[in-house]
């Protein structure tokens, strides 16, 4: 599943680095912290590998 925004892609990259041991888990904040706990390394790789060109800075939330 590709990232929907630049912010989501960056958060996935931070969570992936922590999961691999390249960054400290204690330094994660917000979405990246919950992503590290709830997603597998493969899922994080897919989000982090998303191209950022043409993506909005933040995803727009749709209200039903």
PDB file of N, CA and C in Angstrom:
ATOM      1  N   UNK A   1       0.841  -1.165   0.000  1.00  0.00           N
ATOM      2  CA  UNK A   1       0.000   0.000   0.000  1.00  0.00           C
ATOM      3  C   UNK A   1       0.890   1.234   0.000  1.00  0.00           C
ATOM      4  N   UNK A   2       0.727   2.093  -0.944  1.00  0.00           N
ATOM      5  CA  UNK A   2       1.572   3.291  -1.023  1.00  0.00           C
ATOM      6  C   UNK A   2       1.135   4.350  -0.009  1.00  0.00           C
ATOM      7  N   UNK A   3       2.075   5.189   0.388  1.00  0.00           N
ATOM      8  CA  UNK A   3       1.770   6.279   1.312  1.00  0.00           C
ATOM      9  C   UNK A   3       0.847   7.281   0.629  1.00  0.00           C
ATOM     10  N   UNK A   4      -0.037   7.904   1.404  1.00  0.00           N
ATOM     11  CA  UNK A   4      -0.976   8.873   0.848  1.00  0.00           C
ATOM     12  C   UNK A   4      -0.469  10.301   0.942  1.00  0.00           C
ATOM     13  N   UNK A   5       0.584  10.523   1.741  1.00  0.00           N
ATOM     14  CA  UNK A   5       1.127  11.866   1.885  1.00  0.00           C
ATOM     15  C   UNK A   5       2.622  11.796   2.202  1.00  0.00           C
ATOM     16  N   UNK A   6       3.273  12.953   2.079  1.00  0.00           N
ATOM     17  CA  UNK A   6       4.696  13.033   2.401  1.00  0.00           C
ATOM     18  C   UNK A   6       4.921  12.757   3.880  1.00  0.00           C
ATOM     19  N   UNK A   7       4.031  13.244   4.726  1.00  0.00           N
ATOM     20  CA  UNK A   7       4.157  13.038   6.167  1.00  0.00           C
ATOM     21  C   UNK A   7       4.083  11.558   6.529  1.00  0.00           C
ATOM     22  N   UNK A   8       3.170  10.832   5.888  1.00  0.00           N
ATOM     23  CA  UNK A   8       3.034   9.402   6.155  1.00  0.00           C
ATOM     24  C   UNK A   8       4.282   8.661   5.691  1.00  0.00           C
ATOM     25  N   UNK A   9       4.839   9.049   4.571  1.00  0.00           N
ATOM     26  CA  UNK A   9       6.034   8.408   4.041  1.00  0.00           C
ATOM     27  C   UNK A   9       7.226   8.645   4.971  1.00  0.00           C
ATOM     28  N   UNK A  10       7.350   9.865   5.478  1.00  0.00           N
ATOM     29  CA  UNK A  10       8.447  10.188   6.398  1.00  0.00           C
ATOM     30  C   UNK A  10       8.305   9.427   7.715  1.00  0.00           C
ATOM     31  N   UNK A  11       7.087   9.347   8.240  1.00  0.00           N
ATOM     32  CA  UNK A  11       6.844   8.627   9.489  1.00  0.00           C
ATOM     33  C   UNK A  11       7.175   7.148   9.330  1.00  0.00           C
ATOM     34  N   UNK A  12       6.826   6.573   8.186  1.00  0.00           N
ATOM     35  CA  UNK A  12       7.136   5.165   7.923  1.00  0.00           C
ATOM     36  C   UNK A  12       8.647   4.957   7.852  1.00  0.00           C
ATOM     37  N   UNK A  13       9.355   5.904   7.261  1.00  0.00           N
ATOM     38  CA  UNK A  13      10.812   5.803   7.188  1.00  0.00           C
ATOM     39  C   UNK A  13      11.447   5.844   8.565  1.00  0.00           C
ATOM     40  N   UNK A  14      10.961   6.705   9.431  1.00  0.00           N
ATOM     41  CA  UNK A  14      11.476   6.795  10.797  1.00  0.00           C
ATOM     42  C   UNK A  14      11.180   5.511  11.575  1.00  0.00           C
ATOM     43  N   UNK A  15       9.974   4.988  11.426  1.00  0.00           N
ATOM     44  CA  UNK A  15       9.597   3.755  12.114  1.00  0.00           C
ATOM     45  C   UNK A  15      10.421   2.574  11.609  1.00  0.00           C
ATOM     46  N   UNK A  16      10.673   2.548  10.321  1.00  0.00           N
ATOM     47  CA  UNK A  16      11.478   1.474   9.729  1.00  0.00           C
ATOM     48  C   UNK A  16      12.903   1.521  10.265  1.00  0.00           C
ATOM     49  N   UNK A  17      13.468   2.708  10.365  1.00  0.00           N
ATOM     50  CA  UNK A  17      14.833   2.852  10.901  1.00  0.00           C
ATOM     51  C   UNK A  17      14.895   2.347  12.341  1.00  0.00           C
ATOM     52  N   UNK A  18      13.890   2.655  13.138  1.00  0.00           N
ATOM     53  CA  UNK A  18      13.864   2.190  14.521  1.00  0.00           C
ATOM     54  C   UNK A  18      13.694   0.676  14.597  1.00  0.00           C
ATOM     55  N   UNK A  19      12.830   0.141  13.748  1.00  0.00           N
ATOM     56  CA  UNK A  19      12.608  -1.306  13.750  1.00  0.00           C
ATOM     57  C   UNK A  19      13.874  -2.059  13.367  1.00  0.00           C
ATOM     58  N   UNK A  20      14.673  -1.477  12.483  1.00  0.00           N
ATOM     59  CA  UNK A  20      15.925  -2.115  12.051  1.00  0.00           C
ATOM     60  C   UNK A  20      17.072  -1.873  13.024  1.00  0.00           C
ATOM     61  N   UNK A  21      16.869  -0.970  13.985  1.00  0.00           N
ATOM     62  CA  UNK A  21      17.905  -0.693  14.964  1.00  0.00           C
ATOM     63  C   UNK A  21      18.831   0.454  14.574  1.00  0.00           C
ATOM     64  N   UNK A  22      18.513   1.161  13.490  1.00  0.00           N
ATOM     65  CA  UNK A  22      19.331   2.280  13.051  1.00  0.00           C
ATOM     66  C   UNK A  22      19.017   3.555  13.830  1.00  0.00           C
ATOM     67  N   UNK A  23      17.869   3.599  14.494  1.00  0.00           N
ATOM     68  CA  UNK A  23      17.461   4.742  15.303  1.00  0.00           C
ATOM     69  C   UNK A  23      16.843   4.198  16.593  1.00  0.00           C
ATOM     70  N   UNK A  24      16.789   5.042  17.606  1.00  0.00           N
ATOM     71  CA  UNK A  24      16.238   4.616  18.886  1.00  0.00           C
ATOM     72  C   UNK A  24      14.712   4.701  18.873  1.00  0.00           C
ATOM     73  N   UNK A  25      14.069   3.665  19.380  1.00  0.00           N
ATOM     74  CA  UNK A  25      12.608   3.644  19.457  1.00  0.00           C
ATOM     75  C   UNK A  25      12.122   4.749  20.384  1.00  0.00           C
ATOM     76  N   UNK A  26      12.893   5.058  21.415  1.00  0.00           N
ATOM     77  CA  UNK A  26      12.494   6.089  22.372  1.00  0.00           C
ATOM     78  C   UNK A  26      12.447   7.485  21.755  1.00  0.00           C
ATOM     79  N   UNK A  27      13.084   7.682  20.605  1.00  0.00           N
ATOM     80  CA  UNK A  27      13.089   8.987  19.944  1.00  0.00           C
ATOM     81  C   UNK A  27      11.908   9.172  18.992  1.00  0.00           C
ATOM     82  N   UNK A  28      11.136   8.114  18.762  1.00  0.00           N
ATOM     83  CA  UNK A  28       9.976   8.212  17.877  1.00  0.00           C
ATOM     84  C   UNK A  28       8.846   8.978  18.542  1.00  0.00           C
ATOM     85  N   UNK A  29       8.068   9.698  17.734  1.00  0.00           N
ATOM     86  CA  UNK A  29       6.928  10.460  18.235  1.00  0.00           C
ATOM     87  C   UNK A  29       5.728  10.225  17.330  1.00  0.00           C
ATOM     88  N   UNK A  30       4.555  10.383  17.879  1.00  0.00           N
ATOM     89  CA  UNK A  30       3.320  10.366  17.107  1.00  0.00           C
ATOM     90  C   UNK A  30       3.108   9.118  16.263  1.00  0.00           C
ATOM     91  N   UNK A  31       2.817   9.360  14.992  1.00  0.00           N
ATOM     92  CA  UNK A  31       2.445   8.281  14.079  1.00  0.00           C
ATOM     93  C   UNK A  31       3.573   7.266  13.896  1.00  0.00           C
ATOM     94  N   UNK A  32       4.813   7.728  13.859  1.00  0.00           N
ATOM     95  CA  UNK A  32       5.916   6.796  13.644  1.00  0.00           C
ATOM     96  C   UNK A  32       6.047   5.816  14.808  1.00  0.00           C
ATOM     97  N   UNK A  33       5.716   6.273  16.008  1.00  0.00           N
ATOM     98  CA  UNK A  33       5.787   5.400  17.184  1.00  0.00           C
ATOM     99  C   UNK A  33       4.747   4.286  17.093  1.00  0.00           C
ATOM    100  N   UNK A  34       3.529   4.636  16.710  1.00  0.00           N
ATOM    101  CA  UNK A  34       2.490   3.606  16.598  1.00  0.00           C
ATOM    102  C   UNK A  34       2.725   2.705  15.382  1.00  0.00           C
ATOM    103  N   UNK A  35       3.281   3.266  14.306  1.00  0.00           N
ATOM    104  CA  UNK A  35       3.598   2.455  13.125  1.00  0.00           C
ATOM    105  C   UNK A  35       4.645   1.401  13.463  1.00  0.00           C
ATOM    106  N   UNK A  36       5.642   1.769  14.239  1.00  0.00           N
ATOM    107  CA  UNK A  36       6.721   0.838  14.594  1.00  0.00           C
ATOM    108  C   UNK A  36       6.172  -0.346  15.363  1.00  0.00           C
ATOM    109  N   UNK A  37       5.190  -0.086  16.234  1.00  0.00           N
ATOM    110  CA  UNK A  37       4.615  -1.153  17.047  1.00  0.00           C
ATOM    111  C   UNK A  37       3.664  -2.041  16.260  1.00  0.00           C
ATOM    112  N   UNK A  38       2.874  -1.445  15.377  1.00  0.00           N
ATOM    113  CA  UNK A  38       1.767  -2.182  14.766  1.00  0.00           C
ATOM    114  C   UNK A  38       2.036  -2.747  13.372  1.00  0.00           C
ATOM    115  N   UNK A  39       3.108  -2.319  12.710  1.00  0.00           N
ATOM    116  CA  UNK A  39       3.346  -2.751  11.333  1.00  0.00           C
ATOM    117  C   UNK A  39       4.604  -3.604  11.230  1.00  0.00           C
ATOM    118  N   UNK A  40       4.597  -4.498  10.251  1.00  0.00           N
ATOM    119  CA  UNK A  40       5.772  -5.331  10.018  1.00  0.00           C
ATOM    120  C   UNK A  40       6.827  -4.529   9.246  1.00  0.00           C
ATOM    121  N   UNK A  41       8.028  -5.044   9.225  1.00  0.00           N
ATOM    122  CA  UNK A  41       9.107  -4.376   8.501  1.00  0.00           C
ATOM    123  C   UNK A  41       8.776  -4.275   7.011  1.00  0.00           C
ATOM    124  N   UNK A  42       8.162  -5.297   6.473  1.00  0.00           N
ATOM    125  CA  UNK A  42       7.792  -5.288   5.049  1.00  0.00           C
ATOM    126  C   UNK A  42       6.756  -4.200   4.740  1.00  0.00           C
ATOM    127  N   UNK A  43       5.755  -4.063   5.607  1.00  0.00           N
ATOM    128  CA  UNK A  43       4.740  -3.031   5.412  1.00  0.00           C
ATOM    129  C   UNK A  43       5.360  -1.633   5.487  1.00  0.00           C
ATOM    130  N   UNK A  44       6.264  -1.446   6.431  1.00  0.00           N
ATOM    131  CA  UNK A  44       6.934  -0.155   6.569  1.00  0.00           C
ATOM    132  C   UNK A  44       7.800   0.142   5.346  1.00  0.00           C
ATOM    133  N   UNK A  45       8.454  -0.882   4.811  1.00  0.00           N
ATOM    134  CA  UNK A  45       9.263  -0.705   3.601  1.00  0.00           C
ATOM    135  C   UNK A  45       8.404  -0.212   2.444  1.00  0.00           C
ATOM    136  N   UNK A  46       7.217  -0.788   2.290  1.00  0.00           N
ATOM    137  CA  UNK A  46       6.319  -0.389   1.203  1.00  0.00           C
ATOM    138  C   UNK A  46       5.907   1.073   1.332  1.00  0.00           C
ATOM    139  N   UNK A  47       5.571   1.497   2.539  1.00  0.00           N
ATOM    140  CA  UNK A  47       5.182   2.890   2.754  1.00  0.00           C
ATOM    141  C   UNK A  47       6.359   3.836   2.562  1.00  0.00           C
ATOM    142  N   UNK A  48       7.503   3.469   3.107  1.00  0.00           N
ATOM    143  CA  UNK A  48       8.672   4.340   3.044  1.00  0.00           C
ATOM    144  C   UNK A  48       9.222   4.457   1.622  1.00  0.00           C
ATOM    145  N   UNK A  49       9.012   3.447   0.802  1.00  0.00           N
ATOM    146  CA  UNK A  49       9.549   3.449  -0.561  1.00  0.00           C
ATOM    147  C   UNK A  49       8.681   4.229  -1.539  1.00  0.00           C
ATOM    148  N   UNK A  50       7.533   4.710  -1.099  1.00  0.00           N
ATOM    149  CA  UNK A  50       6.631   5.468  -1.957  1.00  0.00           C
ATOM    150  C   UNK A  50       7.307   6.741  -2.453  1.00  0.00           C
ATOM    151  N   UNK A  51       7.178   7.028  -3.721  1.00  0.00           N
ATOM    152  CA  UNK A  51       7.714   8.267  -4.279  1.00  0.00           C
ATOM    153  C   UNK A  51       6.926   9.438  -3.721  1.00  0.00           C
ATOM    154  N   UNK A  52       7.609  10.523  -3.366  1.00  0.00           N
ATOM    155  CA  UNK A  52       6.939  11.680  -2.773  1.00  0.00           C
ATOM    156  C   UNK A  52       6.465  12.690  -3.809  1.00  0.00           C
ATOM    157  N   UNK A  53       6.952  12.591  -5.020  1.00  0.00           N
ATOM    158  CA  UNK A  53       6.577  13.567  -6.034  1.00  0.00           C
ATOM    159  C   UNK A  53       5.067  13.510  -6.286  1.00  0.00           C
ATOM    160  N   UNK A  54       4.422  14.667  -6.195  1.00  0.00           N
ATOM    161  CA  UNK A  54       2.988  14.754  -6.439  1.00  0.00           C
ATOM    162  C   UNK A  54       2.119  14.433  -5.238  1.00  0.00           C
ATOM    163  N   UNK A  55       2.719  14.062  -4.114  1.00  0.00           N
ATOM    164  CA  UNK A  55       1.942  13.748  -2.909  1.00  0.00           C
ATOM    165  C   UNK A  55       1.708  15.037  -2.125  1.00  0.00           C
ATOM    166  N   UNK A  56       0.553  15.161  -1.469  1.00  0.00           N
ATOM    167  CA  UNK A  56       0.317  16.324  -0.609  1.00  0.00           C
ATOM    168  C   UNK A  56       1.191  16.221   0.644  1.00  0.00           C
ATOM    169  N   UNK A  57       1.435  17.347   1.300  1.00  0.00           N
ATOM    170  CA  UNK A  57       2.218  17.322   2.532  1.00  0.00           C
ATOM    171  C   UNK A  57       1.516  16.492   3.604  1.00  0.00           C
ATOM    172  N   UNK A  58       0.197  16.667   3.705  1.00  0.00           N
ATOM    173  CA  UNK A  58      -0.607  15.913   4.652  1.00  0.00           C
ATOM    174  C   UNK A  58      -1.858  15.418   3.951  1.00  0.00           C
ATOM    175  N   UNK A  59      -2.277  14.221   4.299  1.00  0.00           N
ATOM    176  CA  UNK A  59      -3.483  13.656   3.684  1.00  0.00           C
ATOM    177  C   UNK A  59      -4.715  14.370   4.217  1.00  0.00           C
ATOM    178  N   UNK A  60      -5.691  14.539   3.377  1.00  0.00           N
ATOM    179  CA  UNK A  60      -6.940  15.164   3.771  1.00  0.00           C
ATOM    180  C   UNK A  60      -7.857  14.089   4.315  1.00  0.00           C
ATOM    181  N   UNK A  61      -8.381  14.323   5.525  1.00  0.00           N
ATOM    182  CA  UNK A  61      -9.270  13.357   6.152  1.00  0.00           C
ATOM    183  C   UNK A  61     -10.662  13.497   5.567  1.00  0.00           C
ATOM    184  N   UNK A  62     -11.250  12.380   5.190  1.00  0.00           N
ATOM    185  CA  UNK A  62     -12.607  12.389   4.658  1.00  0.00           C
ATOM    186  C   UNK A  62     -13.583  12.084   5.774  1.00  0.00           C
ATOM    187  N   UNK A  63     -14.614  12.905   5.900  1.00  0.00           N
ATOM    188  CA  UNK A  63     -15.633  12.688   6.928  1.00  0.00           C
ATOM    189  C   UNK A  63     -16.891  12.132   6.280  1.00  0.00           C
ATOM    190  N   UNK A  64     -17.423  11.103   6.904  1.00  0.00           N
ATOM    191  CA  UNK A  64     -18.626  10.456   6.358  1.00  0.00           C
ATOM    192  C   UNK A  64     -19.888  11.087   6.852  1.00  0.00           C
TER     193      UNK A  64
END
